[in-house]
Protein backbone atom coordinates (compact mmCIF):
# COMPACT_ATOMS: atom_id res chain seq x y z
CA MET A 1 0.00 0.00 0.00
CA GLN A 2 1.45 3.32 -1.04
CA GLU A 3 1.30 6.23 1.41
CA TRP A 4 0.37 9.75 0.25
CA ARG A 5 0.45 13.05 2.12
CA LEU A 6 -2.84 14.92 1.83
CA THR A 7 -1.31 17.79 -0.16
CA ASP A 8 0.25 15.35 -2.64
CA ALA A 9 -3.03 13.43 -2.91
CA LYS A 10 -4.91 16.65 -3.72
CA ASN A 11 -2.36 17.81 -6.27
CA ARG A 12 -2.05 14.41 -7.96
CA PHE A 13 -5.59 13.09 -7.48
CA THR A 14 -5.85 11.45 -10.91
CA GLU A 15 -2.62 9.53 -10.30
CA LEU A 16 -3.89 8.53 -6.85
CA VAL A 17 -7.11 7.12 -8.33
CA ASN A 18 -5.21 5.30 -11.08
CA GLN A 19 -2.92 3.72 -8.48
CA ALA A 20 -5.91 2.61 -6.39
CA LEU A 21 -7.46 0.98 -9.46
CA SER A 22 -4.30 -0.72 -10.70
CA SER A 23 -2.17 -1.38 -7.61
CA GLY A 24 -4.71 -1.66 -4.80
CA PRO A 25 -5.58 0.45 -1.76
CA GLN A 26 -3.74 3.74 -1.18
CA THR A 27 -3.32 5.41 2.22
CA ILE A 28 -3.62 9.18 2.64
CA ARG A 29 -2.22 10.89 5.74
CA ARG A 30 -3.27 14.22 7.23
CA ARG A 31 -1.25 14.92 10.38
CA ASN A 32 -2.20 11.99 12.65
CA ASP A 33 -5.25 10.90 10.67
CA TRP A 34 -5.28 8.22 7.99
CA VAL A 35 -7.77 7.28 5.30
CA VAL A 36 -7.66 4.57 2.67
CA LEU A 37 -8.74 4.99 -0.94
CA LEU A 38 -9.72 1.74 -2.64
CA SER A 39 -11.55 0.62 -5.73
CA LYS A 40 -15.20 -0.38 -5.67
CA ASP A 41 -14.24 -4.01 -6.35
CA ASP A 42 -11.84 -4.02 -3.38
CA TYR A 43 -14.49 -2.41 -1.18
CA GLU A 44 -17.14 -4.97 -2.13
CA ARG A 45 -14.68 -7.81 -1.57
CA LEU A 46 -13.72 -6.50 1.87
CA SER A 47 -17.25 -5.59 2.96
CA GLY A 48 -18.59 -8.99 1.96
CA LYS A 49 -21.25 -7.53 -0.32
CA LYS A 50 -22.86 -10.35 -2.21
CA PRO A 51 -25.08 -10.04 -5.26
CA GLY A 52 -28.80 -10.17 -4.62
CA PHE A 53 -31.17 -12.78 -6.03
CA LYS A 54 -32.05 -10.61 -9.02
CA ASP A 55 -28.34 -10.01 -9.79
CA ALA A 56 -27.65 -13.73 -9.55
CA LEU A 57 -30.42 -14.49 -12.03
CA LEU A 58 -29.46 -11.74 -14.47
CA ASN A 59 -25.68 -12.35 -14.28
CA PRO A 60 -25.11 -16.03 -13.52
CA PRO A 61 -21.48 -17.07 -12.88
CA HIS A 62 -22.02 -20.04 -15.19
CA SER A 63 -23.85 -20.93 -18.36
CA LEU A 64 -27.42 -22.14 -17.93
CA ALA A 65 -26.63 -24.80 -20.55
CA GLU A 66 -24.45 -26.53 -17.93
CA ILE A 67 -27.43 -27.23 -15.65
CA ASP A 68 -28.82 -30.77 -15.84
CA VAL A 69 -32.62 -30.52 -16.05
CA ALA A 70 -33.30 -34.18 -16.94
CA ARG A 71 -36.17 -35.73 -14.98
CA ASP A 72 -35.45 -38.65 -12.66
CA PRO A 73 -36.98 -41.74 -14.34
CA SER A 74 -37.34 -43.73 -11.08
CA ALA A 75 -40.81 -44.60 -9.74
CA MET A 76 -42.55 -42.11 -7.49
CA ARG A 77 -42.92 -42.82 -3.79
CA GLU A 78 -46.08 -44.40 -2.51
CA PHE A 79 -48.52 -42.46 -0.37
CA GLU A 80 -51.70 -43.28 1.54
């Protein structure tokens, strides 16, 4: 993680954002305070955000052609 002083981060903001996107989180220091700039992907990975049901249906991680939808040919169970 690269460390930036606040004045440098303000003056070179575009470079700071590019570094966060390509190299990972960047720390910014103002006196005794610290903040971390990270990409949205890194944030979602760290926060544990998972896609919702709708997102899972619209953007499956696999092809639907890979799912076996063949019916089980065995006899049904008996009932009373």
